[in-house]
Amino acid sequence: MLRHYDQIGLLKPDSVDVWSSYRSYSPEQLSVLNRLVALKDLGLSLEQVRRVLADRVGLAELRGMLRRAAPSWRTRCVLPAPGWQQSNQGFG
């Protein structure tokens, strides 16, 4: 995942060891990564995430992006897993 974000220019490592290719990230980049993952989890494309992180998206446009992405994350977050009620009948 991090290598892909580096390849597409979304999150470049702070430094890369020339011998081991180990990538190091700064503490400030952790907040960027957290936002990136959260936006992806909400259903935004990497291009939309790029625009949001670059502050090129106004509030109204961000709301529109989230509304369009809402069906995908609502389905993943709200619907119980198959068989949920049968396996949890003993509770409550």
PDB file of N, CA and C in Angstrom:
ATOM      1  N   MET A   1       0.828  -1.184   0.000  1.00  0.00           N
ATOM      2  CA  MET A   1       0.000   0.000   0.000  1.00  0.00           C
ATOM      3  C   MET A   1       0.881   1.258   0.000  1.00  0.00           C
ATOM      4  N   LEU A   2       1.837   1.348   0.933  1.00  0.00           N
ATOM      5  CA  LEU A   2       2.678   2.547   0.988  1.00  0.00           C
ATOM      6  C   LEU A   2       3.530   2.698  -0.268  1.00  0.00           C
ATOM      7  N   ARG A   3       4.016   1.589  -0.795  1.00  0.00           N
ATOM      8  CA  ARG A   3       4.807   1.669  -2.028  1.00  0.00           C
ATOM      9  C   ARG A   3       3.947   2.177  -3.186  1.00  0.00           C
ATOM     10  N   HIS A   4       2.698   1.726  -3.233  1.00  0.00           N
ATOM     11  CA  HIS A   4       1.787   2.199  -4.285  1.00  0.00           C
ATOM     12  C   HIS A   4       1.535   3.698  -4.141  1.00  0.00           C
ATOM     13  N   TYR A   5       1.284   4.161  -2.924  1.00  0.00           N
ATOM     14  CA  TYR A   5       1.059   5.594  -2.705  1.00  0.00           C
ATOM     15  C   TYR A   5       2.295   6.396  -3.101  1.00  0.00           C
ATOM     16  N   ASP A   6       3.483   5.832  -2.872  1.00  0.00           N
ATOM     17  CA  ASP A   6       4.717   6.492  -3.291  1.00  0.00           C
ATOM     18  C   ASP A   6       4.805   6.525  -4.814  1.00  0.00           C
ATOM     19  N   GLN A   7       4.512   5.405  -5.472  1.00  0.00           N
ATOM     20  CA  GLN A   7       4.607   5.327  -6.934  1.00  0.00           C
ATOM     21  C   GLN A   7       3.694   6.325  -7.636  1.00  0.00           C
ATOM     22  N   ILE A   8       2.523   6.555  -7.064  1.00  0.00           N
ATOM     23  CA  ILE A   8       1.584   7.485  -7.705  1.00  0.00           C
ATOM     24  C   ILE A   8       1.716   8.913  -7.166  1.00  0.00           C
ATOM     25  N   GLY A   9       2.691   9.114  -6.267  1.00  0.00           N
ATOM     26  CA  GLY A   9       2.962  10.455  -5.767  1.00  0.00           C
ATOM     27  C   GLY A   9       2.002  10.952  -4.701  1.00  0.00           C
ATOM     28  N   LEU A  10       1.267  10.049  -4.078  1.00  0.00           N
ATOM     29  CA  LEU A  10       0.291  10.452  -3.071  1.00  0.00           C
ATOM     30  C   LEU A  10       0.923  10.635  -1.692  1.00  0.00           C
ATOM     31  N   LEU A  11       1.881   9.761  -1.351  1.00  0.00           N
ATOM     32  CA  LEU A  11       2.564   9.862  -0.061  1.00  0.00           C
ATOM     33  C   LEU A  11       3.998   9.380  -0.249  1.00  0.00           C
ATOM     34  N   LYS A  12       4.888  10.318  -0.416  1.00  0.00           N
ATOM     35  CA  LYS A  12       6.306  10.006  -0.602  1.00  0.00           C
ATOM     36  C   LYS A  12       6.965   9.816   0.765  1.00  0.00           C
ATOM     37  N   PRO A  13       7.835   8.830   0.912  1.00  0.00           N
ATOM     38  CA  PRO A  13       8.536   8.666   2.194  1.00  0.00           C
ATOM     39  C   PRO A  13       9.462   9.842   2.455  1.00  0.00           C
ATOM     40  N   ASP A  14       9.707  10.088   3.725  1.00  0.00           N
ATOM     41  CA  ASP A  14      10.609  11.160   4.124  1.00  0.00           C
ATOM     42  C   ASP A  14      12.023  10.845   3.645  1.00  0.00           C
ATOM     43  N   SER A  15      12.392   9.561   3.712  1.00  0.00           N
ATOM     44  CA  SER A  15      13.689   9.127   3.208  1.00  0.00           C
ATOM     45  C   SER A  15      13.618   7.646   2.843  1.00  0.00           C
ATOM     46  N   VAL A  16      14.535   7.240   1.957  1.00  0.00           N
ATOM     47  CA  VAL A  16      14.629   5.841   1.538  1.00  0.00           C
ATOM     48  C   VAL A  16      16.096   5.436   1.636  1.00  0.00           C
ATOM     49  N   ASP A  17      16.362   4.361   2.387  1.00  0.00           N
ATOM     50  CA  ASP A  17      17.724   3.855   2.527  1.00  0.00           C
ATOM     51  C   ASP A  17      18.194   3.299   1.183  1.00  0.00           C
ATOM     52  N   VAL A  18      19.364   3.738   0.719  1.00  0.00           N
ATOM     53  CA  VAL A  18      19.851   3.318  -0.591  1.00  0.00           C
ATOM     54  C   VAL A  18      20.221   1.837  -0.642  1.00  0.00           C
ATOM     55  N   TRP A  19      20.611   1.254   0.473  1.00  0.00           N
ATOM     56  CA  TRP A  19      21.029  -0.148   0.497  1.00  0.00           C
ATOM     57  C   TRP A  19      19.859  -1.105   0.691  1.00  0.00           C
ATOM     58  N   SER A  20      18.971  -0.775   1.610  1.00  0.00           N
ATOM     59  CA  SER A  20      17.885  -1.714   1.942  1.00  0.00           C
ATOM     60  C   SER A  20      16.552  -1.341   1.314  1.00  0.00           C
ATOM     61  N   SER A  21      16.446  -0.144   0.764  1.00  0.00           N
ATOM     62  CA  SER A  21      15.194   0.407   0.233  1.00  0.00           C
ATOM     63  C   SER A  21      14.136   0.596   1.320  1.00  0.00           C
ATOM     64  N   TYR A  22      14.562   0.576   2.590  1.00  0.00           N
ATOM     65  CA  TYR A  22      13.641   0.803   3.702  1.00  0.00           C
ATOM     66  C   TYR A  22      13.129   2.236   3.642  1.00  0.00           C
ATOM     67  N   ARG A  23      11.825   2.386   3.724  1.00  0.00           N
ATOM     68  CA  ARG A  23      11.204   3.702   3.654  1.00  0.00           C
ATOM     69  C   ARG A  23      10.939   4.222   5.060  1.00  0.00           C
ATOM     70  N   SER A  24      11.310   5.455   5.287  1.00  0.00           N
ATOM     71  CA  SER A  24      11.065   6.107   6.571  1.00  0.00           C
ATOM     72  C   SER A  24      10.084   7.252   6.361  1.00  0.00           C
ATOM     73  N   TYR A  25       9.168   7.369   7.287  1.00  0.00           N
ATOM     74  CA  TYR A  25       8.157   8.422   7.226  1.00  0.00           C
ATOM     75  C   TYR A  25       8.262   9.285   8.474  1.00  0.00           C
ATOM     76  N   SER A  26       7.998  10.552   8.324  1.00  0.00           N
ATOM     77  CA  SER A  26       8.057  11.479   9.455  1.00  0.00           C
ATOM     78  C   SER A  26       6.780  11.371  10.282  1.00  0.00           C
ATOM     79  N   PRO A  27       6.834  11.806  11.539  1.00  0.00           N
ATOM     80  CA  PRO A  27       5.618  11.788  12.360  1.00  0.00           C
ATOM     81  C   PRO A  27       4.470  12.608  11.745  1.00  0.00           C
ATOM     82  N   GLU A  28       4.804  13.688  11.044  1.00  0.00           N
ATOM     83  CA  GLU A  28       3.770  14.506  10.406  1.00  0.00           C
ATOM     84  C   GLU A  28       3.045  13.727   9.310  1.00  0.00           C
ATOM     85  N   GLN A  29       3.754  12.813   8.660  1.00  0.00           N
ATOM     86  CA  GLN A  29       3.148  12.033   7.586  1.00  0.00           C
ATOM     87  C   GLN A  29       2.133  11.020   8.101  1.00  0.00           C
ATOM     88  N   LEU A  30       2.209  10.668   9.380  1.00  0.00           N
ATOM     89  CA  LEU A  30       1.244   9.730   9.948  1.00  0.00           C
ATOM     90  C   LEU A  30      -0.164  10.314   9.906  1.00  0.00           C
ATOM     91  N   SER A  31      -0.306  11.606  10.184  1.00  0.00           N
ATOM     92  CA  SER A  31      -1.638  12.221  10.123  1.00  0.00           C
ATOM     93  C   SER A  31      -2.152  12.243   8.685  1.00  0.00           C
ATOM     94  N   VAL A  32      -1.255  12.458   7.719  1.00  0.00           N
ATOM     95  CA  VAL A  32      -1.653  12.417   6.302  1.00  0.00           C
ATOM     96  C   VAL A  32      -2.111  11.012   5.942  1.00  0.00           C
ATOM     97  N   LEU A  33      -1.349   9.997   6.374  1.00  0.00           N
ATOM     98  CA  LEU A  33      -1.721   8.612   6.092  1.00  0.00           C
ATOM     99  C   LEU A  33      -3.051   8.260   6.734  1.00  0.00           C
ATOM    100  N   ASN A  34      -3.274   8.709   7.961  1.00  0.00           N
ATOM    101  CA  ASN A  34      -4.553   8.446   8.638  1.00  0.00           C
ATOM    102  C   ASN A  34      -5.719   9.052   7.869  1.00  0.00           C
ATOM    103  N   ARG A  35      -5.564  10.274   7.391  1.00  0.00           N
ATOM    104  CA  ARG A  35      -6.625  10.907   6.594  1.00  0.00           C
ATOM    105  C   ARG A  35      -6.830  10.169   5.284  1.00  0.00           C
ATOM    106  N   LEU A  36      -5.728   9.786   4.650  1.00  0.00           N
ATOM    107  CA  LEU A  36      -5.799   9.070   3.382  1.00  0.00           C
ATOM    108  C   LEU A  36      -6.591   7.765   3.557  1.00  0.00           C
ATOM    109  N   VAL A  37      -6.254   6.993   4.565  1.00  0.00           N
ATOM    110  CA  VAL A  37      -6.935   5.717   4.803  1.00  0.00           C
ATOM    111  C   VAL A  37      -8.404   5.943   5.161  1.00  0.00           C
ATOM    112  N   ALA A  38      -8.683   6.944   5.979  1.00  0.00           N
ATOM    113  CA  ALA A  38     -10.073   7.225   6.354  1.00  0.00           C
ATOM    114  C   ALA A  38     -10.911   7.612   5.134  1.00  0.00           C
ATOM    115  N   LEU A  39     -10.363   8.447   4.273  1.00  0.00           N
ATOM    116  CA  LEU A  39     -11.091   8.864   3.071  1.00  0.00           C
ATOM    117  C   LEU A  39     -11.298   7.678   2.125  1.00  0.00           C
ATOM    118  N   LYS A  40     -10.282   6.830   1.992  1.00  0.00           N
ATOM    119  CA  LYS A  40     -10.429   5.620   1.168  1.00  0.00           C
ATOM    120  C   LYS A  40     -11.503   4.711   1.760  1.00  0.00           C
ATOM    121  N   ASP A  41     -11.515   4.556   3.089  1.00  0.00           N
ATOM    122  CA  ASP A  41     -12.522   3.716   3.750  1.00  0.00           C
ATOM    123  C   ASP A  41     -13.931   4.261   3.548  1.00  0.00           C
ATOM    124  N   LEU A  42     -14.052   5.560   3.346  1.00  0.00           N
ATOM    125  CA  LEU A  42     -15.359   6.166   3.088  1.00  0.00           C
ATOM    126  C   LEU A  42     -15.782   6.020   1.631  1.00  0.00           C
ATOM    127  N   GLY A  43     -14.885   5.468   0.803  1.00  0.00           N
ATOM    128  CA  GLY A  43     -15.250   5.189  -0.579  1.00  0.00           C
ATOM    129  C   GLY A  43     -14.723   6.164  -1.616  1.00  0.00           C
ATOM    130  N   LEU A  44     -13.879   7.110  -1.222  1.00  0.00           N
ATOM    131  CA  LEU A  44     -13.334   8.050  -2.192  1.00  0.00           C
ATOM    132  C   LEU A  44     -12.243   7.377  -3.018  1.00  0.00           C
ATOM    133  N   SER A  45     -12.124   7.788  -4.269  1.00  0.00           N
ATOM    134  CA  SER A  45     -11.060   7.278  -5.138  1.00  0.00           C
ATOM    135  C   SER A  45      -9.732   7.923  -4.722  1.00  0.00           C
ATOM    136  N   LEU A  46      -8.637   7.343  -5.191  1.00  0.00           N
ATOM    137  CA  LEU A  46      -7.331   7.924  -4.864  1.00  0.00           C
ATOM    138  C   LEU A  46      -7.183   9.323  -5.450  1.00  0.00           C
ATOM    139  N   GLU A  47      -7.767   9.573  -6.608  1.00  0.00           N
ATOM    140  CA  GLU A  47      -7.710  10.919  -7.184  1.00  0.00           C
ATOM    141  C   GLU A  47      -8.499  11.907  -6.318  1.00  0.00           C
ATOM    142  N   GLN A  48      -9.655  11.505  -5.823  1.00  0.00           N
ATOM    143  CA  GLN A  48     -10.421  12.367  -4.927  1.00  0.00           C
ATOM    144  C   GLN A  48      -9.657  12.605  -3.633  1.00  0.00           C
ATOM    145  N   VAL A  49      -9.029  11.560  -3.101  1.00  0.00           N
ATOM    146  CA  VAL A  49      -8.221  11.699  -1.881  1.00  0.00           C
ATOM    147  C   VAL A  49      -7.086  12.685  -2.130  1.00  0.00           C
ATOM    148  N   ARG A  50      -6.429  12.575  -3.272  1.00  0.00           N
ATOM    149  CA  ARG A  50      -5.331  13.485  -3.615  1.00  0.00           C
ATOM    150  C   ARG A  50      -5.810  14.936  -3.575  1.00  0.00           C
ATOM    151  N   ARG A  51      -6.967  15.194  -4.156  1.00  0.00           N
ATOM    152  CA  ARG A  51      -7.496  16.561  -4.197  1.00  0.00           C
ATOM    153  C   ARG A  51      -7.854  17.065  -2.799  1.00  0.00           C
ATOM    154  N   VAL A  52      -8.434  16.183  -1.973  1.00  0.00           N
ATOM    155  CA  VAL A  52      -8.791  16.577  -0.604  1.00  0.00           C
ATOM    156  C   VAL A  52      -7.531  16.898   0.193  1.00  0.00           C
ATOM    157  N   LEU A  53      -6.520  16.037   0.105  1.00  0.00           N
ATOM    158  CA  LEU A  53      -5.286  16.249   0.862  1.00  0.00           C
ATOM    159  C   LEU A  53      -4.540  17.497   0.407  1.00  0.00           C
ATOM    160  N   ALA A  54      -4.702  17.866  -0.855  1.00  0.00           N
ATOM    161  CA  ALA A  54      -4.036  19.065  -1.383  1.00  0.00           C
ATOM    162  C   ALA A  54      -4.862  20.327  -1.118  1.00  0.00           C
ATOM    163  N   ASP A  55      -5.959  20.185  -0.387  1.00  0.00           N
ATOM    164  CA  ASP A  55      -6.854  21.313  -0.071  1.00  0.00           C
ATOM    165  C   ASP A  55      -7.411  21.980  -1.317  1.00  0.00           C
ATOM    166  N   ARG A  56      -7.645  21.177  -2.362  1.00  0.00           N
ATOM    167  CA  ARG A  56      -8.234  21.716  -3.585  1.00  0.00           C
ATOM    168  C   ARG A  56      -9.717  21.404  -3.675  1.00  0.00           C
ATOM    169  N   VAL A  57     -10.299  21.006  -2.554  1.00  0.00           N
ATOM    170  CA  VAL A  57     -11.716  20.639  -2.542  1.00  0.00           C
ATOM    171  C   VAL A  57     -12.416  21.501  -1.504  1.00  0.00           C
ATOM    172  N   GLY A  58     -13.449  22.182  -1.939  1.00  0.00           N
ATOM    173  CA  GLY A  58     -14.237  22.972  -1.015  1.00  0.00           C
ATOM    174  C   GLY A  58     -15.174  22.084  -0.209  1.00  0.00           C
ATOM    175  N   LEU A  59     -15.756  22.640   0.810  1.00  0.00           N
ATOM    176  CA  LEU A  59     -16.639  21.886   1.693  1.00  0.00           C
ATOM    177  C   LEU A  59     -17.831  21.304   0.945  1.00  0.00           C
ATOM    178  N   ALA A  60     -18.451  22.087   0.070  1.00  0.00           N
ATOM    179  CA  ALA A  60     -19.619  21.603  -0.680  1.00  0.00           C
ATOM    180  C   ALA A  60     -19.231  20.434  -1.589  1.00  0.00           C
ATOM    181  N   GLU A  61     -18.071  20.526  -2.231  1.00  0.00           N
ATOM    182  CA  GLU A  61     -17.626  19.438  -3.114  1.00  0.00           C
ATOM    183  C   GLU A  61     -17.300  18.183  -2.307  1.00  0.00           C
ATOM    184  N   LEU A  62     -16.679  18.354  -1.124  1.00  0.00           N
ATOM    185  CA  LEU A  62     -16.381  17.210  -0.262  1.00  0.00           C
ATOM    186  C   LEU A  62     -17.662  16.517   0.183  1.00  0.00           C
ATOM    187  N   ARG A  63     -18.654  17.308   0.552  1.00  0.00           N
ATOM    188  CA  ARG A  63     -19.948  16.716   0.931  1.00  0.00           C
ATOM    189  C   ARG A  63     -20.533  15.905  -0.225  1.00  0.00           C
ATOM    190  N   GLY A  64     -20.433  16.441  -1.446  1.00  0.00           N
ATOM    191  CA  GLY A  64     -20.928  15.723  -2.619  1.00  0.00           C
ATOM    192  C   GLY A  64     -20.183  14.419  -2.833  1.00  0.00           C
ATOM    193  N   MET A  65     -18.860  14.440  -2.674  1.00  0.00           N
ATOM    194  CA  MET A  65     -18.065  13.216  -2.816  1.00  0.00           C
ATOM    195  C   MET A  65     -18.505  12.163  -1.796  1.00  0.00           C
ATOM    196  N   LEU A  66     -18.702  12.619  -0.567  1.00  0.00           N
ATOM    197  CA  LEU A  66     -19.091  11.681   0.494  1.00  0.00           C
ATOM    198  C   LEU A  66     -20.504  11.148   0.277  1.00  0.00           C
ATOM    199  N   ARG A  67     -21.392  11.996  -0.235  1.00  0.00           N
ATOM    200  CA  ARG A  67     -22.757  11.518  -0.525  1.00  0.00           C
ATOM    201  C   ARG A  67     -22.742  10.449  -1.618  1.00  0.00           C
ATOM    202  N   ARG A  68     -21.943  10.681  -2.656  1.00  0.00           N
ATOM    203  CA  ARG A  68     -21.853   9.685  -3.736  1.00  0.00           C
ATOM    204  C   ARG A  68     -21.204   8.400  -3.259  1.00  0.00           C
ATOM    205  N   ALA A  69     -20.261   8.498  -2.324  1.00  0.00           N
ATOM    206  CA  ALA A  69     -19.576   7.313  -1.807  1.00  0.00           C
ATOM    207  C   ALA A  69     -20.365   6.629  -0.701  1.00  0.00           C
ATOM    208  N   ALA A  70     -21.355   7.316  -0.134  1.00  0.00           N
ATOM    209  CA  ALA A  70     -22.082   6.800   1.027  1.00  0.00           C
ATOM    210  C   ALA A  70     -22.676   5.411   0.835  1.00  0.00           C
ATOM    211  N   PRO A  71     -23.288   5.077  -0.284  1.00  0.00           N
ATOM    212  CA  PRO A  71     -23.873   3.736  -0.389  1.00  0.00           C
ATOM    213  C   PRO A  71     -22.864   2.609  -0.159  1.00  0.00           C
ATOM    214  N   SER A  72     -21.630   2.779  -0.614  1.00  0.00           N
ATOM    215  CA  SER A  72     -20.654   1.704  -0.443  1.00  0.00           C
ATOM    216  C   SER A  72     -20.246   1.538   1.015  1.00  0.00           C
ATOM    217  N   TRP A  73     -20.010   2.641   1.746  1.00  0.00           N
ATOM    218  CA  TRP A  73     -19.590   2.445   3.128  1.00  0.00           C
ATOM    219  C   TRP A  73     -20.769   2.134   4.030  1.00  0.00           C
ATOM    220  N   ARG A  74     -21.959   2.592   3.690  1.00  0.00           N
ATOM    221  CA  ARG A  74     -23.128   2.218   4.496  1.00  0.00           C
ATOM    222  C   ARG A  74     -23.377   0.717   4.420  1.00  0.00           C
ATOM    223  N   THR A  75     -23.236   0.164   3.242  1.00  0.00           N
ATOM    224  CA  THR A  75     -23.427  -1.273   3.078  1.00  0.00           C
ATOM    225  C   THR A  75     -22.408  -2.039   3.894  1.00  0.00           C
ATOM    226  N   ARG A  76     -21.165  -1.592   3.884  1.00  0.00           N
ATOM    227  CA  ARG A  76     -20.116  -2.298   4.629  1.00  0.00           C
ATOM    228  C   ARG A  76     -20.273  -2.124   6.124  1.00  0.00           C
ATOM    229  N   CYS A  77     -20.787  -0.988   6.587  1.00  0.00           N
ATOM    230  CA  CYS A  77     -20.800  -0.685   8.018  1.00  0.00           C
ATOM    231  C   CYS A  77     -22.111  -1.011   8.719  1.00  0.00           C
ATOM    232  N   VAL A  78     -23.223  -0.978   8.023  1.00  0.00           N
ATOM    233  CA  VAL A  78     -24.512  -1.062   8.681  1.00  0.00           C
ATOM    234  C   VAL A  78     -25.131  -2.454   8.625  1.00  0.00           C
ATOM    235  N   LEU A  79     -24.999  -3.109   7.504  1.00  0.00           N
ATOM    236  CA  LEU A  79     -25.668  -4.390   7.350  1.00  0.00           C
ATOM    237  C   LEU A  79     -24.978  -5.463   8.174  1.00  0.00           C
ATOM    238  N   PRO A  80     -25.743  -6.231   8.962  1.00  0.00           N
ATOM    239  CA  PRO A  80     -25.121  -7.304   9.737  1.00  0.00           C
ATOM    240  C   PRO A  80     -24.660  -8.431   8.826  1.00  0.00           C
ATOM    241  N   ALA A  81     -23.714  -9.182   9.316  1.00  0.00           N
ATOM    242  CA  ALA A  81     -23.199 -10.320   8.559  1.00  0.00           C
ATOM    243  C   ALA A  81     -24.277 -11.388   8.452  1.00  0.00           C
ATOM    244  N   PRO A  82     -24.257 -12.191   7.378  1.00  0.00           N
ATOM    245  CA  PRO A  82     -25.240 -13.271   7.244  1.00  0.00           C
ATOM    246  C   PRO A  82     -25.179 -14.186   8.462  1.00  0.00           C
ATOM    247  N   GLY A  83     -26.344 -14.582   8.940  1.00  0.00           N
ATOM    248  CA  GLY A  83     -26.415 -15.467  10.099  1.00  0.00           C
ATOM    249  C   GLY A  83     -26.232 -14.781  11.437  1.00  0.00           C
ATOM    250  N   TRP A  84     -26.131 -13.444  11.433  1.00  0.00           N
ATOM    251  CA  TRP A  84     -25.874 -12.712  12.671  1.00  0.00           C
ATOM    252  C   TRP A  84     -26.946 -12.971  13.712  1.00  0.00           C
ATOM    253  N   GLN A  85     -28.217 -12.901  13.326  1.00  0.00           N
ATOM    254  CA  GLN A  85     -29.295 -13.063  14.300  1.00  0.00           C
ATOM    255  C   GLN A  85     -29.343 -14.470  14.877  1.00  0.00           C
ATOM    256  N   GLN A  86     -29.086 -15.472  14.048  1.00  0.00           N
ATOM    257  CA  GLN A  86     -29.117 -16.836  14.552  1.00  0.00           C
ATOM    258  C   GLN A  86     -28.001 -17.059  15.565  1.00  0.00           C
ATOM    259  N   SER A  87     -26.807 -16.531  15.304  1.00  0.00           N
ATOM    260  CA  SER A  87     -25.688 -16.806  16.190  1.00  0.00           C
ATOM    261  C   SER A  87     -25.741 -15.970  17.460  1.00  0.00           C
ATOM    262  N   ASN A  88     -26.538 -14.928  17.506  1.00  0.00           N
ATOM    263  CA  ASN A  88     -26.578 -14.056  18.677  1.00  0.00           C
ATOM    264  C   ASN A  88     -27.934 -14.094  19.399  1.00  0.00           C
ATOM    265  N   GLN A  89     -28.713 -15.123  19.220  1.00  0.00           N
ATOM    266  CA  GLN A  89     -30.036 -15.172  19.847  1.00  0.00           C
ATOM    267  C   GLN A  89     -29.951 -15.292  21.356  1.00  0.00           C
ATOM    268  N   GLY A  90     -28.863 -15.786  21.885  1.00  0.00           N
ATOM    269  CA  GLY A  90     -28.748 -15.963  23.321  1.00  0.00           C
ATOM    270  C   GLY A  90     -28.460 -14.669  24.075  1.00  0.00           C
ATOM    271  N   PHE A  91     -28.173 -13.598  23.363  1.00  0.00           N
ATOM    272  CA  PHE A  91     -27.864 -12.326  24.024  1.00  0.00           C
ATOM    273  C   PHE A  91     -29.109 -11.468  24.149  1.00  0.00           C
ATOM    274  N   GLY A  92     -29.150 -10.690  25.237  1.00  0.00           N
ATOM    275  CA  GLY A  92     -30.220  -9.716  25.388  1.00  0.00           C
ATOM    276  C   GLY A  92     -31.350 -10.269  26.067  1.00  0.00           C
TER     277      GLY A  92
END
